[in-house]
N, C-alpha and C. Protein backbone atom coordinates (compact mmCIF):
# COMPACT_ATOMS: atom_id res chain seq x y z
N UNK A 1 81.45 107.25 111.91
CA UNK A 1 81.55 107.93 110.63
C UNK A 1 80.30 107.72 109.81
N UNK A 2 79.72 106.52 109.91
CA UNK A 2 78.48 106.27 109.17
C UNK A 2 77.38 107.21 109.62
N UNK A 3 77.27 107.40 110.93
CA UNK A 3 76.22 108.28 111.47
C UNK A 3 76.44 109.73 111.03
N UNK A 4 77.69 110.11 110.81
CA UNK A 4 78.00 111.47 110.37
C UNK A 4 77.95 111.61 108.86
N UNK A 5 77.56 110.56 108.16
CA UNK A 5 77.47 110.54 106.70
C UNK A 5 78.81 110.81 106.02
N UNK A 6 79.87 110.33 106.64
CA UNK A 6 81.21 110.47 106.03
C UNK A 6 81.25 109.69 104.72
N UNK A 7 82.00 110.20 103.77
CA UNK A 7 82.15 109.53 102.48
C UNK A 7 83.57 109.01 102.27
N UNK A 8 84.48 109.50 103.10
CA UNK A 8 85.88 109.10 102.95
C UNK A 8 86.58 109.16 104.29
N UNK A 9 87.72 108.47 104.36
CA UNK A 9 88.53 108.49 105.56
C UNK A 9 90.00 108.40 105.16
N UNK A 10 90.83 109.14 105.88
CA UNK A 10 92.28 109.08 105.68
C UNK A 10 92.85 108.47 106.95
N UNK A 11 93.61 107.38 106.78
CA UNK A 11 94.19 106.77 107.97
C UNK A 11 95.67 107.11 108.08
N UNK A 12 96.12 107.18 109.30
CA UNK A 12 97.50 107.52 109.61
C UNK A 12 98.29 106.23 109.85
N UNK A 13 99.62 106.33 109.85
CA UNK A 13 100.45 105.14 110.06
C UNK A 13 100.14 104.38 111.34
N UNK A 14 99.56 105.04 112.32
CA UNK A 14 99.17 104.39 113.57
C UNK A 14 98.30 103.16 113.30
N UNK A 15 97.49 103.20 112.26
CA UNK A 15 96.58 102.11 111.95
C UNK A 15 97.19 101.02 111.08
N UNK A 16 98.43 101.22 110.66
CA UNK A 16 99.07 100.30 109.71
C UNK A 16 99.02 98.84 110.16
N UNK A 17 99.23 98.53 111.44
CA UNK A 17 99.16 97.12 111.84
C UNK A 17 97.77 96.51 111.65
N UNK A 18 96.77 97.36 111.48
CA UNK A 18 95.38 96.89 111.36
C UNK A 18 94.81 97.13 109.96
N UNK A 19 95.67 97.16 108.97
CA UNK A 19 95.28 97.50 107.61
C UNK A 19 94.09 96.69 107.12
N UNK A 20 94.17 95.38 107.22
CA UNK A 20 93.09 94.53 106.68
C UNK A 20 91.74 94.86 107.32
N UNK A 21 91.73 95.03 108.64
CA UNK A 21 90.48 95.32 109.34
C UNK A 21 89.94 96.70 108.94
N UNK A 22 90.82 97.68 108.84
CA UNK A 22 90.39 99.03 108.46
C UNK A 22 89.83 99.02 107.04
N UNK A 23 90.49 98.31 106.12
CA UNK A 23 90.01 98.21 104.74
C UNK A 23 88.65 97.51 104.71
N UNK A 24 88.51 96.47 105.50
CA UNK A 24 87.24 95.73 105.57
C UNK A 24 86.11 96.64 106.07
N UNK A 25 86.37 97.39 107.12
CA UNK A 25 85.35 98.30 107.67
C UNK A 25 85.01 99.42 106.68
N UNK A 26 86.01 99.96 106.02
CA UNK A 26 85.75 101.01 105.03
C UNK A 26 84.87 100.47 103.91
N UNK A 27 85.16 99.27 103.43
CA UNK A 27 84.35 98.66 102.38
C UNK A 27 82.92 98.41 102.84
N UNK A 28 82.78 97.90 104.05
CA UNK A 28 81.45 97.61 104.61
C UNK A 28 80.59 98.87 104.69
N UNK A 29 81.22 100.00 104.98
CA UNK A 29 80.49 101.26 105.14
C UNK A 29 80.60 102.19 103.93
N UNK A 30 81.09 101.64 102.83
CA UNK A 30 81.22 102.38 101.57
C UNK A 30 81.98 103.70 101.73
N UNK A 31 83.14 103.61 102.39
CA UNK A 31 83.98 104.78 102.59
C UNK A 31 85.21 104.68 101.68
N UNK A 32 85.52 105.76 101.01
CA UNK A 32 86.75 105.82 100.23
C UNK A 32 87.90 105.95 101.23
N UNK A 33 88.87 105.07 101.13
CA UNK A 33 89.96 105.02 102.10
C UNK A 33 91.27 105.46 101.47
N UNK A 34 91.92 106.46 102.08
CA UNK A 34 93.21 106.94 101.62
C UNK A 34 94.23 106.72 102.73
N UNK A 35 95.44 106.41 102.31
CA UNK A 35 96.51 106.15 103.26
C UNK A 35 97.83 106.63 102.68
N UNK A 36 98.84 106.63 103.50
CA UNK A 36 100.17 106.96 103.01
C UNK A 36 101.00 105.70 102.77
N UNK A 37 100.34 104.55 102.77
CA UNK A 37 101.04 103.29 102.54
C UNK A 37 100.44 102.52 101.38
N UNK A 38 101.28 102.11 100.46
CA UNK A 38 100.88 101.35 99.29
C UNK A 38 100.11 100.08 99.65
N UNK A 39 100.53 99.38 100.73
CA UNK A 39 99.88 98.12 101.04
C UNK A 39 98.42 98.30 101.45
N UNK A 40 98.04 99.48 101.93
CA UNK A 40 96.63 99.73 102.23
C UNK A 40 95.83 99.73 100.94
N UNK A 41 96.35 100.35 99.90
CA UNK A 41 95.67 100.38 98.60
C UNK A 41 95.67 98.99 97.98
N UNK A 42 96.75 98.26 98.11
CA UNK A 42 96.82 96.90 97.59
C UNK A 42 95.84 95.97 98.31
N UNK A 43 95.54 96.29 99.58
CA UNK A 43 94.60 95.48 100.36
C UNK A 43 93.15 95.84 100.08
N UNK A 44 92.91 96.94 99.33
CA UNK A 44 91.55 97.31 98.98
C UNK A 44 91.19 98.76 99.26
N UNK A 45 92.13 99.53 99.78
CA UNK A 45 91.89 100.96 99.94
C UNK A 45 91.80 101.62 98.57
N UNK A 46 91.31 102.83 98.51
CA UNK A 46 91.13 103.50 97.22
C UNK A 46 92.42 104.09 96.67
N UNK A 47 93.18 104.80 97.51
CA UNK A 47 94.33 105.53 96.99
C UNK A 47 95.38 105.71 98.09
N UNK A 48 96.61 105.74 97.67
CA UNK A 48 97.69 106.09 98.61
C UNK A 48 98.65 107.03 97.91
N UNK A 49 99.17 107.95 98.69
CA UNK A 49 100.14 108.92 98.17
C UNK A 49 101.12 109.24 99.29
N UNK A 50 102.38 109.07 99.00
CA UNK A 50 103.38 109.35 100.03
C UNK A 50 104.77 109.35 99.43
N UNK A 51 105.71 109.74 100.28
CA UNK A 51 107.10 109.59 99.90
C UNK A 51 107.37 108.11 99.66
N UNK A 52 108.25 107.82 98.75
CA UNK A 52 108.62 106.43 98.47
C UNK A 52 109.33 105.88 99.70
N UNK A 53 108.64 105.01 100.43
CA UNK A 53 109.17 104.51 101.70
C UNK A 53 110.48 103.75 101.54
N UNK A 54 110.63 103.01 100.47
CA UNK A 54 111.88 102.26 100.27
C UNK A 54 113.07 103.21 100.17
N UNK A 55 112.94 104.25 99.37
CA UNK A 55 114.00 105.24 99.24
C UNK A 55 114.23 105.95 100.57
N UNK A 56 113.16 106.27 101.24
CA UNK A 56 113.23 106.97 102.53
C UNK A 56 114.04 106.16 103.54
N UNK A 57 113.77 104.86 103.64
CA UNK A 57 114.48 104.02 104.60
C UNK A 57 115.93 103.78 104.17
N UNK A 58 116.19 103.73 102.88
CA UNK A 58 117.57 103.60 102.42
C UNK A 58 118.37 104.84 102.82
N UNK A 59 117.80 106.01 102.68
CA UNK A 59 118.48 107.24 103.08
C UNK A 59 118.71 107.26 104.59
N UNK A 60 117.75 106.76 105.36
CA UNK A 60 117.92 106.69 106.81
C UNK A 60 119.08 105.78 107.17
N UNK A 61 119.23 104.67 106.46
CA UNK A 61 120.33 103.75 106.72
C UNK A 61 121.68 104.42 106.45
N UNK A 62 121.74 105.24 105.43
CA UNK A 62 122.98 105.96 105.13
C UNK A 62 123.33 106.91 106.28
N UNK A 63 122.32 107.57 106.83
CA UNK A 63 122.55 108.46 107.97
C UNK A 63 123.03 107.67 109.19
N UNK A 64 122.42 106.53 109.46
CA UNK A 64 122.84 105.70 110.58
C UNK A 64 124.30 105.29 110.40
N UNK A 65 124.65 104.90 109.20
CA UNK A 65 126.04 104.52 108.91
C UNK A 65 127.00 105.67 109.20
N UNK A 66 126.64 106.86 108.77
CA UNK A 66 127.50 108.03 109.00
C UNK A 66 127.66 108.30 110.50
N UNK A 67 126.57 108.17 111.24
CA UNK A 67 126.61 108.43 112.68
C UNK A 67 127.46 107.36 113.39
N UNK A 68 127.29 106.11 112.97
CA UNK A 68 128.09 105.04 113.57
C UNK A 68 129.58 105.19 113.26
N UNK A 69 129.87 105.89 112.19
CA UNK A 69 131.28 106.13 111.82
C UNK A 69 131.82 107.43 112.44
N UNK A 70 131.00 108.06 113.31
CA UNK A 70 131.50 109.21 114.05
C UNK A 70 130.91 110.55 113.70
N UNK A 71 130.09 110.63 112.70
CA UNK A 71 129.48 111.92 112.34
C UNK A 71 128.54 112.38 113.46
N UNK A 72 128.52 113.68 113.69
CA UNK A 72 127.60 114.23 114.68
C UNK A 72 126.25 114.45 114.00
N UNK A 73 125.18 113.90 114.58
CA UNK A 73 123.85 114.06 113.95
C UNK A 73 123.50 115.51 113.65
N UNK A 74 123.89 116.43 114.52
CA UNK A 74 123.57 117.84 114.30
C UNK A 74 124.30 118.46 113.12
N UNK A 75 125.37 117.79 112.67
CA UNK A 75 126.13 118.30 111.54
C UNK A 75 125.61 117.77 110.19
N UNK A 76 124.75 116.79 110.25
CA UNK A 76 124.23 116.20 109.00
C UNK A 76 123.10 117.07 108.46
N UNK A 77 123.05 117.27 107.17
CA UNK A 77 121.99 118.10 106.59
C UNK A 77 120.62 117.42 106.70
N UNK A 78 119.60 118.22 106.82
CA UNK A 78 118.24 117.70 106.82
C UNK A 78 117.85 117.41 105.38
N UNK A 79 117.27 116.24 105.16
CA UNK A 79 116.82 115.87 103.82
C UNK A 79 115.31 115.76 103.79
N UNK A 80 114.76 116.11 102.67
CA UNK A 80 113.33 115.94 102.44
C UNK A 80 113.15 114.94 101.31
N UNK A 81 112.05 114.20 101.35
CA UNK A 81 111.81 113.25 100.26
C UNK A 81 111.75 113.97 98.93
N UNK A 82 112.26 113.34 97.89
CA UNK A 82 112.17 113.93 96.55
C UNK A 82 111.50 112.98 95.57
N UNK A 83 111.08 111.83 96.06
CA UNK A 83 110.35 110.88 95.22
C UNK A 83 109.08 110.46 95.96
N UNK A 84 107.96 110.62 95.29
CA UNK A 84 106.68 110.26 95.87
C UNK A 84 105.99 109.23 94.97
N UNK A 85 105.09 108.45 95.58
CA UNK A 85 104.38 107.47 94.76
C UNK A 85 102.88 107.56 95.00
N UNK A 86 102.15 107.39 93.90
CA UNK A 86 100.70 107.42 93.90
C UNK A 86 100.20 106.06 93.43
N UNK A 87 99.36 105.43 94.25
CA UNK A 87 98.79 104.13 93.90
C UNK A 87 97.27 104.26 93.95
N UNK A 88 96.60 103.78 92.92
CA UNK A 88 95.14 103.88 92.82
C UNK A 88 94.56 102.49 92.59
N UNK A 89 93.51 102.16 93.32
CA UNK A 89 92.85 100.87 93.19
C UNK A 89 91.53 101.08 92.42
N UNK A 90 91.55 100.73 91.13
CA UNK A 90 90.35 100.91 90.30
C UNK A 90 89.23 99.96 90.67
N UNK A 91 89.58 98.80 91.17
CA UNK A 91 88.57 97.83 91.61
C UNK A 91 87.74 98.43 92.75
N UNK A 92 88.43 99.07 93.68
CA UNK A 92 87.74 99.72 94.80
C UNK A 92 86.93 100.92 94.31
N UNK A 93 87.51 101.70 93.39
CA UNK A 93 86.79 102.84 92.84
C UNK A 93 85.47 102.39 92.21
N UNK A 94 85.53 101.32 91.47
CA UNK A 94 84.31 100.79 90.82
C UNK A 94 83.29 100.36 91.87
N UNK A 95 83.74 99.67 92.91
CA UNK A 95 82.84 99.22 93.97
C UNK A 95 82.18 100.39 94.69
N UNK A 96 82.87 101.53 94.75
CA UNK A 96 82.33 102.73 95.39
C UNK A 96 81.53 103.60 94.42
N UNK A 97 81.51 103.22 93.15
CA UNK A 97 80.80 104.01 92.15
C UNK A 97 81.53 105.28 91.77
N UNK A 98 82.86 105.25 91.88
CA UNK A 98 83.67 106.43 91.57
C UNK A 98 84.36 106.28 90.23
N UNK A 99 84.53 107.38 89.54
CA UNK A 99 85.30 107.42 88.30
C UNK A 99 86.56 108.21 88.57
N UNK A 100 87.69 107.59 88.32
CA UNK A 100 88.97 108.26 88.51
C UNK A 100 89.32 108.98 87.21
N UNK A 101 89.59 110.27 87.26
CA UNK A 101 89.92 111.01 86.03
C UNK A 101 91.16 110.44 85.34
N UNK A 102 91.12 110.34 84.02
CA UNK A 102 92.28 109.82 83.28
C UNK A 102 93.57 110.58 83.59
N UNK A 103 93.47 111.88 83.83
CA UNK A 103 94.68 112.66 84.12
C UNK A 103 95.33 112.20 85.42
N UNK A 104 94.54 111.75 86.38
CA UNK A 104 95.09 111.23 87.64
C UNK A 104 95.67 109.83 87.43
N UNK A 105 95.00 109.03 86.63
CA UNK A 105 95.50 107.68 86.33
C UNK A 105 96.86 107.74 85.63
N UNK A 106 97.04 108.74 84.77
CA UNK A 106 98.31 108.88 84.07
C UNK A 106 99.45 109.23 85.02
N UNK A 107 99.14 109.89 86.11
CA UNK A 107 100.15 110.28 87.08
C UNK A 107 100.48 109.15 88.06
N UNK A 108 99.65 108.13 88.13
CA UNK A 108 99.84 107.06 89.11
C UNK A 108 101.07 106.22 88.81
N UNK A 109 101.76 105.84 89.87
CA UNK A 109 102.91 104.95 89.75
C UNK A 109 102.43 103.50 89.60
N UNK A 110 101.26 103.22 90.18
CA UNK A 110 100.68 101.88 90.07
C UNK A 110 99.17 102.03 90.06
N UNK A 111 98.51 101.31 89.15
CA UNK A 111 97.06 101.26 89.07
C UNK A 111 96.66 99.80 89.25
N UNK A 112 95.87 99.54 90.28
CA UNK A 112 95.42 98.18 90.56
C UNK A 112 94.06 98.01 89.89
N UNK A 113 93.98 97.00 89.01
CA UNK A 113 92.71 96.78 88.28
C UNK A 113 91.98 95.56 88.77
């Protein structure tokens, strides 16, 4: 990515077990790092935006309970996330020389300073 003059990278959940290393490499190469997991931003990534994983897993548990009680999976309605969270790391933004617009900061669920 450095050779291609990349300025940012978005990582997928596949990299989640390697969060610290990915954050370290992004910082070393001055790449803005975005993820769908809050802990990536808490570890030093720039921003994360995704469905609220806690709510998502709670809903999955309810479905498992229904299935274990005899419900047919095909009869259960499909649900989509209705709660999303935005986390911004201002410390990382400053290190990258980025200014986060106030309008985006106001929308954030968590701002790490």
